[in-house]
Protein backbone atom coordinates (compact mmCIF):
# COMPACT_ATOMS: atom_id res chain seq x y z
CA UNK A 1 10.27 9.55 1.11
CA UNK A 2 7.42 12.03 0.90
CA UNK A 3 4.20 11.50 2.92
CA UNK A 4 1.10 11.72 0.71
CA UNK A 5 -1.57 9.53 2.45
CA UNK A 6 -3.71 9.10 -0.69
CA UNK A 7 -6.60 6.56 -0.79
CA UNK A 8 -6.07 3.78 -3.34
CA UNK A 9 -7.75 0.63 -4.66
CA UNK A 10 -5.81 -2.56 -3.88
CA UNK A 11 -5.87 -6.21 -4.91
CA UNK A 12 -4.47 -8.26 -2.04
CA UNK A 13 -4.09 -11.92 -1.16
CA UNK A 14 -4.85 -13.39 2.25
CA UNK A 15 -3.35 -16.52 3.78
CA UNK A 16 -5.26 -18.99 5.99
CA UNK A 17 -4.46 -16.90 9.09
CA UNK A 18 -6.00 -13.78 7.54
CA UNK A 19 -2.68 -12.01 6.93
CA UNK A 20 -2.89 -9.82 3.84
CA UNK A 21 -0.25 -9.07 1.21
CA UNK A 22 -0.82 -6.37 -1.43
CA UNK A 23 -0.43 -7.53 -5.05
CA UNK A 24 -1.49 -4.53 -7.18
CA UNK A 25 -2.90 -1.09 -6.60
CA UNK A 26 -4.53 1.62 -8.69
CA UNK A 27 -3.87 5.29 -8.12
CA UNK A 28 -5.59 8.14 -9.96
CA UNK A 29 -3.19 10.93 -10.88
CA UNK A 30 -4.12 13.78 -13.19
CA UNK A 31 -7.43 12.09 -14.15
CA UNK A 32 -5.69 8.98 -15.47
CA UNK A 33 -5.41 5.78 -13.42
CA UNK A 34 -2.09 3.97 -13.04
CA UNK A 35 -1.89 0.31 -12.04
CA UNK A 36 1.24 -0.67 -10.15
CA UNK A 37 2.25 -4.26 -9.41
CA UNK A 38 3.90 -4.77 -6.03
CA UNK A 39 7.08 -6.73 -6.75
CA UNK A 40 8.38 -7.18 -3.20
CA UNK A 41 7.14 -6.54 0.36
CA UNK A 42 10.18 -5.83 2.57
CA UNK A 43 8.32 -5.85 5.88
CA UNK A 44 4.99 -5.23 7.54
CA UNK A 45 4.11 -3.98 11.00
CA UNK A 46 1.05 -2.95 13.01
CA UNK A 47 0.69 0.50 14.51
CA UNK A 48 -1.89 2.96 15.76
CA UNK A 49 -2.27 6.16 13.77
CA UNK A 50 -4.65 8.72 15.29
CA UNK A 51 -6.18 5.91 17.37
CA UNK A 52 -6.81 3.66 14.33
CA UNK A 53 -5.10 0.27 14.02
CA UNK A 54 -3.17 0.10 10.75
CA UNK A 55 -0.83 -2.31 9.03
CA UNK A 56 2.05 -0.68 7.18
CA UNK A 57 3.74 -2.44 4.26
CA UNK A 58 7.14 -1.33 2.93
CA UNK A 59 7.14 -2.36 -0.74
CA UNK A 60 9.11 -1.91 -3.93
CA UNK A 61 8.23 -1.90 -7.62
CA UNK A 62 9.70 -0.85 -10.92
CA UNK A 63 7.79 2.27 -11.98
CA UNK A 64 8.64 3.96 -15.30
CA UNK A 65 11.91 2.00 -15.44
CA UNK A 66 13.06 3.01 -11.94
CA UNK A 67 13.05 0.91 -8.77
CA UNK A 68 10.82 2.76 -6.27
CA UNK A 69 10.32 2.07 -2.56
CA UNK A 70 6.94 3.05 -1.08
CA UNK A 71 4.69 2.37 1.89
CA UNK A 72 1.08 1.21 1.81
CA UNK A 73 -1.21 1.36 4.84
CA UNK A 74 -4.27 -0.80 5.51
CA UNK A 75 -6.77 0.55 8.06
CA UNK A 76 -8.16 -2.47 9.91
CA UNK A 77 -11.33 -0.77 11.20
CA UNK A 78 -12.58 0.45 7.82
CA UNK A 79 -10.79 -1.83 5.33
CA UNK A 80 -9.36 1.18 3.46
CA UNK A 81 -5.95 1.22 1.78
CA UNK A 82 -3.67 4.25 1.45
CA UNK A 83 -0.48 5.07 -0.43
CA UNK A 84 1.35 6.56 2.55
CA UNK A 85 4.87 7.38 1.35
CA UNK A 86 6.63 7.39 -1.98
């Protein structure tokens, strides 16, 4: 997987305990947005990256007919989402 750490817009669901799960995200590539539906979240874990608490999600989706595995990161302090690896 290649590290890209690109900011993205995400639609996520939250359970009663406040645990989030990404559902869809939008990424802008070459001046045209792509919307990707997250089909499966394999696992999630908390970590500190450069002193910032983050939750990492390992996900998979079918993109352009191929099954792709990627990682999304959610920065707890700012509420920002990132496409970390693809």
